[in-house]
Amino acid sequence: MAEVLGRLRGALADRYAIEREVGRGGMATVFRAQDLKHRRDFQSLLLMSTLLKSLGRRAEAEAAQREGLRVAERHLELNPDDARALYLGAGALVQIGQRERALEWTRRALAIDSEDSGVLYNVACAYCTLGMVDDAMACIEKSVQNGFGHKEWLENDSDLDPLRANPRFTALLKKV
Protein backbone atom coordinates (compact mmCIF):
# COMPACT_ATOMS: atom_id res chain seq x y z
CA MET A 1 0.00 0.00 0.00
CA ALA A 2 2.86 2.40 0.77
CA GLU A 3 4.06 2.09 -2.82
CA VAL A 4 0.60 2.94 -4.19
CA LEU A 5 0.29 5.89 -1.82
CA GLY A 6 3.74 7.13 -2.87
CA ARG A 7 2.86 6.91 -6.57
CA LEU A 8 -0.46 8.63 -5.95
CA ARG A 9 1.19 11.45 -4.01
CA GLY A 10 3.80 11.88 -6.74
CA ALA A 11 1.26 11.91 -9.56
CA LEU A 12 -0.99 14.46 -7.84
CA ALA A 13 1.60 16.52 -5.95
CA ASP A 14 0.98 19.71 -7.92
CA ARG A 15 -2.75 19.63 -7.21
CA TYR A 16 -3.56 17.55 -4.11
CA ALA A 17 -1.96 16.79 -0.77
CA ILE A 18 -2.86 13.16 -0.10
CA GLU A 19 -3.24 12.83 3.67
CA ARG A 20 -4.25 9.26 4.48
CA GLU A 21 -6.28 6.25 3.47
CA VAL A 22 -9.84 6.51 4.71
CA GLY A 23 -11.00 3.03 3.79
CA ARG A 24 -11.45 0.39 1.14
CA GLY A 25 -14.52 -0.95 -0.54
CA GLY A 26 -15.20 -3.48 -3.25
CA MET A 27 -14.30 -1.12 -6.07
CA ALA A 28 -11.97 1.50 -4.63
CA THR A 29 -9.62 2.75 -2.00
CA VAL A 30 -10.52 6.24 -0.78
CA PHE A 31 -7.93 8.70 0.42
CA ARG A 32 -8.40 11.95 2.29
CA ALA A 33 -6.79 14.77 0.32
CA GLN A 34 -6.66 18.53 0.21
CA ASP A 35 -7.14 20.49 -3.01
CA LEU A 36 -4.04 22.70 -2.99
CA LYS A 37 -5.28 25.07 -5.67
CA HIS A 38 -8.73 25.86 -4.34
CA ARG A 39 -8.71 24.56 -0.79
CA ARG A 40 -12.23 23.32 -1.54
CA ASP A 41 -12.18 19.58 -1.19
CA PHE A 42 -15.85 18.66 -1.57
CA GLN A 43 -15.03 15.64 -3.72
CA SER A 44 -13.01 13.71 -1.14
CA LEU A 45 -15.58 14.42 1.57
CA LEU A 46 -18.54 13.35 -0.54
CA LEU A 47 -16.82 10.26 -1.94
CA MET A 48 -15.55 9.37 1.52
CA SER A 49 -19.10 9.55 2.88
CA THR A 50 -20.16 6.77 0.50
CA LEU A 51 -17.38 4.52 1.68
CA LEU A 52 -18.06 5.30 5.36
CA LYS A 53 -21.72 4.43 4.84
CA SER A 54 -20.80 1.12 3.21
CA LEU A 55 -18.60 0.33 6.22
CA GLY A 56 -21.55 0.94 8.56
CA ARG A 57 -20.07 4.16 9.95
CA ARG A 58 -23.28 6.13 9.45
CA ALA A 59 -22.62 9.03 11.83
CA GLU A 60 -19.24 9.68 10.23
CA ALA A 61 -20.80 9.35 6.78
CA GLU A 62 -23.46 11.94 7.58
CA ALA A 63 -20.88 14.32 9.02
CA ALA A 64 -18.79 13.97 5.84
CA GLN A 65 -21.90 14.53 3.69
CA ARG A 66 -22.86 17.69 5.53
CA GLU A 67 -19.31 19.08 5.45
CA GLY A 68 -18.91 18.07 1.80
CA LEU A 69 -22.17 19.84 0.95
CA ARG A 70 -21.05 22.97 2.78
CA VAL A 71 -17.79 23.01 0.80
CA ALA A 72 -19.58 22.16 -2.47
CA GLU A 73 -22.01 25.05 -1.96
CA ARG A 74 -19.10 27.46 -1.56
CA HIS A 75 -17.44 25.94 -4.61
CA LEU A 76 -20.63 26.32 -6.65
CA GLU A 77 -20.86 30.01 -5.73
CA LEU A 78 -17.62 30.48 -7.67
CA ASN A 79 -18.17 27.69 -10.22
CA PRO A 80 -21.93 27.41 -10.82
CA ASP A 81 -21.41 25.22 -13.89
CA ASP A 82 -19.49 22.44 -12.14
CA ALA A 83 -21.63 19.41 -12.92
CA ARG A 84 -19.46 17.14 -10.74
CA ALA A 85 -20.08 19.29 -7.66
CA LEU A 86 -23.79 19.19 -8.44
CA TYR A 87 -24.15 15.44 -8.96
CA LEU A 88 -21.93 14.50 -6.03
CA GLY A 89 -23.83 17.00 -3.89
CA ALA A 90 -27.14 15.61 -5.11
CA GLY A 91 -26.13 12.16 -3.93
CA ALA A 92 -25.35 13.53 -0.47
CA LEU A 93 -28.58 15.53 -0.38
CA VAL A 94 -30.51 12.32 -1.08
CA GLN A 95 -28.74 10.58 1.80
CA ILE A 96 -29.60 13.31 4.30
CA GLY A 97 -33.24 13.41 3.21
CA GLN A 98 -33.33 16.61 1.15
CA ARG A 99 -35.24 15.18 -1.81
CA GLU A 100 -36.36 18.38 -3.53
CA ARG A 101 -32.95 19.98 -3.28
CA ALA A 102 -31.33 16.77 -4.58
CA LEU A 103 -33.66 16.82 -7.58
CA GLU A 104 -32.80 20.48 -8.21
CA TRP A 105 -29.10 19.66 -8.20
CA THR A 106 -29.57 16.68 -10.56
CA ARG A 107 -31.55 18.91 -12.95
CA ARG A 108 -28.78 21.51 -12.85
CA ALA A 109 -26.10 18.88 -13.51
CA LEU A 110 -28.05 17.52 -16.48
CA ALA A 111 -28.63 21.04 -17.82
CA ILE A 112 -24.87 21.60 -17.81
CA ASP A 113 -23.97 18.35 -19.60
CA SER A 114 -26.77 15.93 -20.39
CA GLU A 115 -24.52 13.85 -22.63
CA ASP A 116 -21.64 13.19 -20.22
CA SER A 117 -21.61 9.53 -19.20
CA GLY A 118 -20.37 10.35 -15.68
CA VAL A 119 -23.09 12.92 -15.10
CA LEU A 120 -25.72 10.47 -16.35
CA TYR A 121 -24.40 7.60 -14.22
CA ASN A 122 -24.35 9.65 -11.02
CA VAL A 123 -27.75 11.19 -11.65
CA ALA A 124 -29.07 7.65 -12.18
CA CYS A 125 -27.67 6.69 -8.78
CA ALA A 126 -29.49 9.62 -7.17
CA TYR A 127 -32.71 8.74 -8.99
CA CYS A 128 -32.49 5.10 -7.84
CA THR A 129 -32.06 6.17 -4.24
CA LEU A 130 -35.07 8.45 -4.62
CA GLY A 131 -37.18 5.60 -6.04
CA MET A 132 -37.31 7.08 -9.53
CA VAL A 133 -36.46 3.79 -11.23
CA ASP A 134 -37.68 4.63 -14.76
CA ASP A 135 -35.73 7.89 -14.82
CA ALA A 136 -32.68 6.09 -13.43
CA MET A 137 -32.90 3.40 -16.11
CA ALA A 138 -33.11 6.02 -18.86
CA CYS A 139 -30.00 7.76 -17.50
CA ILE A 140 -28.03 4.52 -17.15
CA GLU A 141 -28.90 3.46 -20.70
CA LYS A 142 -27.83 6.84 -22.07
CA SER A 143 -24.68 6.76 -19.94
CA VAL A 144 -23.62 3.42 -21.44
CA GLN A 145 -24.63 4.61 -24.91
CA ASN A 146 -22.37 7.63 -24.40
CA GLY A 147 -19.36 5.59 -23.36
CA PHE A 148 -19.71 4.55 -19.72
CA GLY A 149 -17.92 1.22 -19.66
CA HIS A 150 -17.30 0.39 -16.02
CA LYS A 151 -19.16 -2.90 -15.91
CA GLU A 152 -17.92 -3.66 -12.39
CA TRP A 153 -19.50 -0.43 -11.14
CA LEU A 154 -22.78 -1.28 -12.81
CA GLU A 155 -22.70 -4.75 -11.28
CA ASN A 156 -21.70 -3.70 -7.75
CA ASP A 157 -22.86 -0.15 -7.03
CA SER A 158 -25.50 -0.57 -4.34
CA ASP A 159 -27.21 2.65 -5.46
CA LEU A 160 -28.29 0.74 -8.56
CA ASP A 161 -29.87 -2.16 -6.62
CA PRO A 162 -33.42 -1.04 -7.55
CA LEU A 163 -32.53 -1.71 -11.22
CA ARG A 164 -31.15 -5.23 -10.79
CA ALA A 165 -34.44 -7.05 -11.54
CA ASN A 166 -35.20 -4.83 -14.52
CA PRO A 167 -34.82 -6.79 -17.80
CA ARG A 168 -33.51 -3.63 -19.50
CA PHE A 169 -30.72 -3.40 -16.92
CA THR A 170 -29.86 -7.08 -17.33
CA ALA A 171 -29.68 -6.64 -21.09
CA LEU A 172 -27.57 -3.51 -20.68
CA LEU A 173 -25.02 -5.38 -18.54
CA LYS A 174 -24.56 -7.89 -21.37
CA LYS A 175 -23.68 -5.05 -23.76
CA VAL A 176 -21.01 -3.49 -21.55
C-alpha atoms as a PDB file:
ATOM      1  CA  MET A   1       0.000   0.000   0.000  1.00  0.00           C
ATOM      2  CA  ALA A   2       2.860   2.399   0.774  1.00  0.00           C
ATOM      3  CA  GLU A   3       4.059   2.093  -2.823  1.00  0.00           C
ATOM      4  CA  VAL A   4       0.604   2.942  -4.193  1.00  0.00           C
ATOM      5  CA  LEU A   5       0.288   5.885  -1.815  1.00  0.00           C
ATOM      6  CA  GLY A   6       3.738   7.133  -2.866  1.00  0.00           C
ATOM      7  CA  ARG A   7       2.859   6.909  -6.568  1.00  0.00           C
ATOM      8  CA  LEU A   8      -0.462   8.628  -5.952  1.00  0.00           C
ATOM      9  CA  ARG A   9       1.191  11.450  -4.014  1.00  0.00           C
ATOM     10  CA  GLY A  10       3.797  11.875  -6.743  1.00  0.00           C
ATOM     11  CA  ALA A  11       1.263  11.914  -9.562  1.00  0.00           C
ATOM     12  CA  LEU A  12      -0.986  14.457  -7.844  1.00  0.00           C
ATOM     13  CA  ALA A  13       1.603  16.523  -5.948  1.00  0.00           C
ATOM     14  CA  ASP A  14       0.984  19.707  -7.917  1.00  0.00           C
ATOM     15  CA  ARG A  15      -2.746  19.627  -7.208  1.00  0.00           C
ATOM     16  CA  TYR A  16      -3.564  17.548  -4.107  1.00  0.00           C
ATOM     17  CA  ALA A  17      -1.965  16.787  -0.772  1.00  0.00           C
ATOM     18  CA  ILE A  18      -2.861  13.161  -0.096  1.00  0.00           C
ATOM     19  CA  GLU A  19      -3.245  12.833   3.670  1.00  0.00           C
ATOM     20  CA  ARG A  20      -4.247   9.263   4.483  1.00  0.00           C
ATOM     21  CA  GLU A  21      -6.275   6.252   3.468  1.00  0.00           C
ATOM     22  CA  VAL A  22      -9.845   6.515   4.711  1.00  0.00           C
ATOM     23  CA  GLY A  23     -10.995   3.029   3.793  1.00  0.00           C
ATOM     24  CA  ARG A  24     -11.447   0.388   1.137  1.00  0.00           C
ATOM     25  CA  GLY A  25     -14.517  -0.954  -0.540  1.00  0.00           C
ATOM     26  CA  GLY A  26     -15.202  -3.483  -3.250  1.00  0.00           C
ATOM     27  CA  MET A  27     -14.300  -1.122  -6.067  1.00  0.00           C
ATOM     28  CA  ALA A  28     -11.971   1.496  -4.629  1.00  0.00           C
ATOM     29  CA  THR A  29      -9.620   2.749  -2.001  1.00  0.00           C
ATOM     30  CA  VAL A  30     -10.523   6.237  -0.780  1.00  0.00           C
ATOM     31  CA  PHE A  31      -7.925   8.700   0.419  1.00  0.00           C
ATOM     32  CA  ARG A  32      -8.402  11.953   2.294  1.00  0.00           C
ATOM     33  CA  ALA A  33      -6.786  14.771   0.323  1.00  0.00           C
ATOM     34  CA  GLN A  34      -6.661  18.534   0.211  1.00  0.00           C
ATOM     35  CA  ASP A  35      -7.140  20.489  -3.012  1.00  0.00           C
ATOM     36  CA  LEU A  36      -4.043  22.697  -2.990  1.00  0.00           C
ATOM     37  CA  LYS A  37      -5.284  25.071  -5.672  1.00  0.00           C
ATOM     38  CA  HIS A  38      -8.733  25.865  -4.345  1.00  0.00           C
ATOM     39  CA  ARG A  39      -8.712  24.558  -0.790  1.00  0.00           C
ATOM     40  CA  ARG A  40     -12.233  23.320  -1.543  1.00  0.00           C
ATOM     41  CA  ASP A  41     -12.177  19.577  -1.194  1.00  0.00           C
ATOM     42  CA  PHE A  42     -15.849  18.657  -1.572  1.00  0.00           C
ATOM     43  CA  GLN A  43     -15.025  15.639  -3.723  1.00  0.00           C
ATOM     44  CA  SER A  44     -13.015  13.714  -1.138  1.00  0.00           C
ATOM     45  CA  LEU A  45     -15.577  14.422   1.566  1.00  0.00           C
ATOM     46  CA  LEU A  46     -18.543  13.351  -0.541  1.00  0.00           C
ATOM     47  CA  LEU A  47     -16.825  10.261  -1.942  1.00  0.00           C
ATOM     48  CA  MET A  48     -15.547   9.372   1.522  1.00  0.00           C
ATOM     49  CA  SER A  49     -19.100   9.545   2.882  1.00  0.00           C
ATOM     50  CA  THR A  50     -20.162   6.774   0.504  1.00  0.00           C
ATOM     51  CA  LEU A  51     -17.379   4.525   1.683  1.00  0.00           C
ATOM     52  CA  LEU A  52     -18.059   5.297   5.355  1.00  0.00           C
ATOM     53  CA  LYS A  53     -21.720   4.429   4.840  1.00  0.00           C
ATOM     54  CA  SER A  54     -20.802   1.115   3.208  1.00  0.00           C
ATOM     55  CA  LEU A  55     -18.602   0.326   6.222  1.00  0.00           C
ATOM     56  CA  GLY A  56     -21.547   0.944   8.561  1.00  0.00           C
ATOM     57  CA  ARG A  57     -20.068   4.159   9.946  1.00  0.00           C
ATOM     58  CA  ARG A  58     -23.282   6.129   9.453  1.00  0.00           C
ATOM     59  CA  ALA A  59     -22.623   9.029  11.834  1.00  0.00           C
ATOM     60  CA  GLU A  60     -19.237   9.685  10.229  1.00  0.00           C
ATOM     61  CA  ALA A  61     -20.805   9.345   6.777  1.00  0.00           C
ATOM     62  CA  GLU A  62     -23.460  11.939   7.579  1.00  0.00           C
ATOM     63  CA  ALA A  63     -20.883  14.323   9.021  1.00  0.00           C
ATOM     64  CA  ALA A  64     -18.789  13.973   5.843  1.00  0.00           C
ATOM     65  CA  GLN A  65     -21.902  14.527   3.691  1.00  0.00           C
ATOM     66  CA  ARG A  66     -22.855  17.692   5.526  1.00  0.00           C
ATOM     67  CA  GLU A  67     -19.314  19.079   5.451  1.00  0.00           C
ATOM     68  CA  GLY A  68     -18.909  18.072   1.801  1.00  0.00           C
ATOM     69  CA  LEU A  69     -22.170  19.838   0.947  1.00  0.00           C
ATOM     70  CA  ARG A  70     -21.046  22.969   2.784  1.00  0.00           C
ATOM     71  CA  VAL A  71     -17.787  23.010   0.803  1.00  0.00           C
ATOM     72  CA  ALA A  72     -19.584  22.157  -2.473  1.00  0.00           C
ATOM     73  CA  GLU A  73     -22.011  25.046  -1.964  1.00  0.00           C
ATOM     74  CA  ARG A  74     -19.102  27.462  -1.562  1.00  0.00           C
ATOM     75  CA  HIS A  75     -17.435  25.940  -4.609  1.00  0.00           C
ATOM     76  CA  LEU A  76     -20.631  26.323  -6.646  1.00  0.00           C
ATOM     77  CA  GLU A  77     -20.863  30.006  -5.735  1.00  0.00           C
ATOM     78  CA  LEU A  78     -17.622  30.480  -7.674  1.00  0.00           C
ATOM     79  CA  ASN A  79     -18.168  27.695 -10.218  1.00  0.00           C
ATOM     80  CA  PRO A  80     -21.929  27.406 -10.820  1.00  0.00           C
ATOM     81  CA  ASP A  81     -21.410  25.217 -13.891  1.00  0.00           C
ATOM     82  CA  ASP A  82     -19.487  22.438 -12.140  1.00  0.00           C
ATOM     83  CA  ALA A  83     -21.635  19.405 -12.923  1.00  0.00           C
ATOM     84  CA  ARG A  84     -19.463  17.142 -10.740  1.00  0.00           C
ATOM     85  CA  ALA A  85     -20.077  19.295  -7.660  1.00  0.00           C
ATOM     86  CA  LEU A  86     -23.789  19.186  -8.437  1.00  0.00           C
ATOM     87  CA  TYR A  87     -24.150  15.440  -8.964  1.00  0.00           C
ATOM     88  CA  LEU A  88     -21.931  14.498  -6.027  1.00  0.00           C
ATOM     89  CA  GLY A  89     -23.826  16.995  -3.895  1.00  0.00           C
ATOM     90  CA  ALA A  90     -27.145  15.611  -5.109  1.00  0.00           C
ATOM     91  CA  GLY A  91     -26.135  12.155  -3.931  1.00  0.00           C
ATOM     92  CA  ALA A  92     -25.353  13.526  -0.472  1.00  0.00           C
ATOM     93  CA  LEU A  93     -28.585  15.527  -0.376  1.00  0.00           C
ATOM     94  CA  VAL A  94     -30.512  12.321  -1.080  1.00  0.00           C
ATOM     95  CA  GLN A  95     -28.738  10.580   1.795  1.00  0.00           C
ATOM     96  CA  ILE A  96     -29.600  13.309   4.298  1.00  0.00           C
ATOM     97  CA  GLY A  97     -33.236  13.414   3.206  1.00  0.00           C
ATOM     98  CA  GLN A  98     -33.333  16.614   1.153  1.00  0.00           C
ATOM     99  CA  ARG A  99     -35.241  15.179  -1.807  1.00  0.00           C
ATOM    100  CA  GLU A 100     -36.361  18.384  -3.528  1.00  0.00           C
ATOM    101  CA  ARG A 101     -32.954  19.977  -3.279  1.00  0.00           C
ATOM    102  CA  ALA A 102     -31.333  16.770  -4.576  1.00  0.00           C
ATOM    103  CA  LEU A 103     -33.658  16.825  -7.584  1.00  0.00           C
ATOM    104  CA  GLU A 104     -32.803  20.480  -8.208  1.00  0.00           C
ATOM    105  CA  TRP A 105     -29.100  19.658  -8.199  1.00  0.00           C
ATOM    106  CA  THR A 106     -29.572  16.682 -10.564  1.00  0.00           C
ATOM    107  CA  ARG A 107     -31.551  18.911 -12.945  1.00  0.00           C
ATOM    108  CA  ARG A 108     -28.785  21.511 -12.848  1.00  0.00           C
ATOM    109  CA  ALA A 109     -26.099  18.881 -13.511  1.00  0.00           C
ATOM    110  CA  LEU A 110     -28.049  17.520 -16.484  1.00  0.00           C
ATOM    111  CA  ALA A 111     -28.635  21.041 -17.822  1.00  0.00           C
ATOM    112  CA  ILE A 112     -24.874  21.601 -17.813  1.00  0.00           C
ATOM    113  CA  ASP A 113     -23.968  18.353 -19.603  1.00  0.00           C
ATOM    114  CA  SER A 114     -26.770  15.930 -20.386  1.00  0.00           C
ATOM    115  CA  GLU A 115     -24.517  13.851 -22.633  1.00  0.00           C
ATOM    116  CA  ASP A 116     -21.640  13.189 -20.221  1.00  0.00           C
ATOM    117  CA  SER A 117     -21.610   9.530 -19.196  1.00  0.00           C
ATOM    118  CA  GLY A 118     -20.368  10.351 -15.676  1.00  0.00           C
ATOM    119  CA  VAL A 119     -23.088  12.915 -15.098  1.00  0.00           C
ATOM    120  CA  LEU A 120     -25.715  10.469 -16.350  1.00  0.00           C
ATOM    121  CA  TYR A 121     -24.397   7.603 -14.217  1.00  0.00           C
ATOM    122  CA  ASN A 122     -24.349   9.648 -11.019  1.00  0.00           C
ATOM    123  CA  VAL A 123     -27.747  11.193 -11.654  1.00  0.00           C
ATOM    124  CA  ALA A 124     -29.070   7.652 -12.184  1.00  0.00           C
ATOM    125  CA  CYS A 125     -27.670   6.693  -8.778  1.00  0.00           C
ATOM    126  CA  ALA A 126     -29.491   9.620  -7.172  1.00  0.00           C
ATOM    127  CA  TYR A 127     -32.710   8.737  -8.993  1.00  0.00           C
ATOM    128  CA  CYS A 128     -32.493   5.105  -7.839  1.00  0.00           C
ATOM    129  CA  THR A 129     -32.060   6.171  -4.238  1.00  0.00           C
ATOM    130  CA  LEU A 130     -35.074   8.453  -4.622  1.00  0.00           C
ATOM    131  CA  GLY A 131     -37.177   5.597  -6.042  1.00  0.00           C
ATOM    132  CA  MET A 132     -37.307   7.078  -9.533  1.00  0.00           C
ATOM    133  CA  VAL A 133     -36.457   3.792 -11.230  1.00  0.00           C
ATOM    134  CA  ASP A 134     -37.676   4.627 -14.759  1.00  0.00           C
ATOM    135  CA  ASP A 135     -35.730   7.890 -14.823  1.00  0.00           C
ATOM    136  CA  ALA A 136     -32.677   6.092 -13.431  1.00  0.00           C
ATOM    137  CA  MET A 137     -32.901   3.405 -16.106  1.00  0.00           C
ATOM    138  CA  ALA A 138     -33.107   6.016 -18.862  1.00  0.00           C
ATOM    139  CA  CYS A 139     -30.003   7.763 -17.501  1.00  0.00           C
ATOM    140  CA  ILE A 140     -28.027   4.518 -17.145  1.00  0.00           C
ATOM    141  CA  GLU A 141     -28.902   3.461 -20.700  1.00  0.00           C
ATOM    142  CA  LYS A 142     -27.833   6.835 -22.072  1.00  0.00           C
ATOM    143  CA  SER A 143     -24.678   6.755 -19.945  1.00  0.00           C
ATOM    144  CA  VAL A 144     -23.622   3.425 -21.443  1.00  0.00           C
ATOM    145  CA  GLN A 145     -24.630   4.606 -24.913  1.00  0.00           C
ATOM    146  CA  ASN A 146     -22.368   7.628 -24.401  1.00  0.00           C
ATOM    147  CA  GLY A 147     -19.359   5.595 -23.360  1.00  0.00           C
ATOM    148  CA  PHE A 148     -19.706   4.551 -19.717  1.00  0.00           C
ATOM    149  CA  GLY A 149     -17.920   1.218 -19.665  1.00  0.00           C
ATOM    150  CA  HIS A 150     -17.299   0.392 -16.017  1.00  0.00           C
ATOM    151  CA  LYS A 151     -19.163  -2.903 -15.910  1.00  0.00           C
ATOM    152  CA  GLU A 152     -17.916  -3.662 -12.386  1.00  0.00           C
ATOM    153  CA  TRP A 153     -19.496  -0.431 -11.139  1.00  0.00           C
ATOM    154  CA  LEU A 154     -22.777  -1.277 -12.811  1.00  0.00           C
ATOM    155  CA  GLU A 155     -22.696  -4.750 -11.280  1.00  0.00           C
ATOM    156  CA  ASN A 156     -21.703  -3.696  -7.749  1.00  0.00           C
ATOM    157  CA  ASP A 157     -22.857  -0.153  -7.028  1.00  0.00           C
ATOM    158  CA  SER A 158     -25.502  -0.567  -4.338  1.00  0.00           C
ATOM    159  CA  ASP A 159     -27.206   2.652  -5.458  1.00  0.00           C
ATOM    160  CA  LEU A 160     -28.290   0.736  -8.563  1.00  0.00           C
ATOM    161  CA  ASP A 161     -29.867  -2.155  -6.623  1.00  0.00           C
ATOM    162  CA  PRO A 162     -33.419  -1.036  -7.553  1.00  0.00           C
ATOM    163  CA  LEU A 163     -32.530  -1.714 -11.220  1.00  0.00           C
ATOM    164  CA  ARG A 164     -31.148  -5.233 -10.786  1.00  0.00           C
ATOM    165  CA  ALA A 165     -34.437  -7.047 -11.538  1.00  0.00           C
ATOM    166  CA  ASN A 166     -35.202  -4.826 -14.519  1.00  0.00           C
ATOM    167  CA  PRO A 167     -34.820  -6.790 -17.798  1.00  0.00           C
ATOM    168  CA  ARG A 168     -33.510  -3.631 -19.504  1.00  0.00           C
ATOM    169  CA  PHE A 169     -30.723  -3.398 -16.918  1.00  0.00           C
ATOM    170  CA  THR A 170     -29.858  -7.084 -17.327  1.00  0.00           C
ATOM    171  CA  ALA A 171     -29.677  -6.644 -21.086  1.00  0.00           C
ATOM    172  CA  LEU A 172     -27.570  -3.511 -20.680  1.00  0.00           C
ATOM    173  CA  LEU A 173     -25.016  -5.379 -18.545  1.00  0.00           C
ATOM    174  CA  LYS A 174     -24.565  -7.894 -21.367  1.00  0.00           C
ATOM    175  CA  LYS A 175     -23.681  -5.053 -23.758  1.00  0.00           C
ATOM    176  CA  VAL A 176     -21.006  -3.495 -21.551  1.00  0.00           C
END
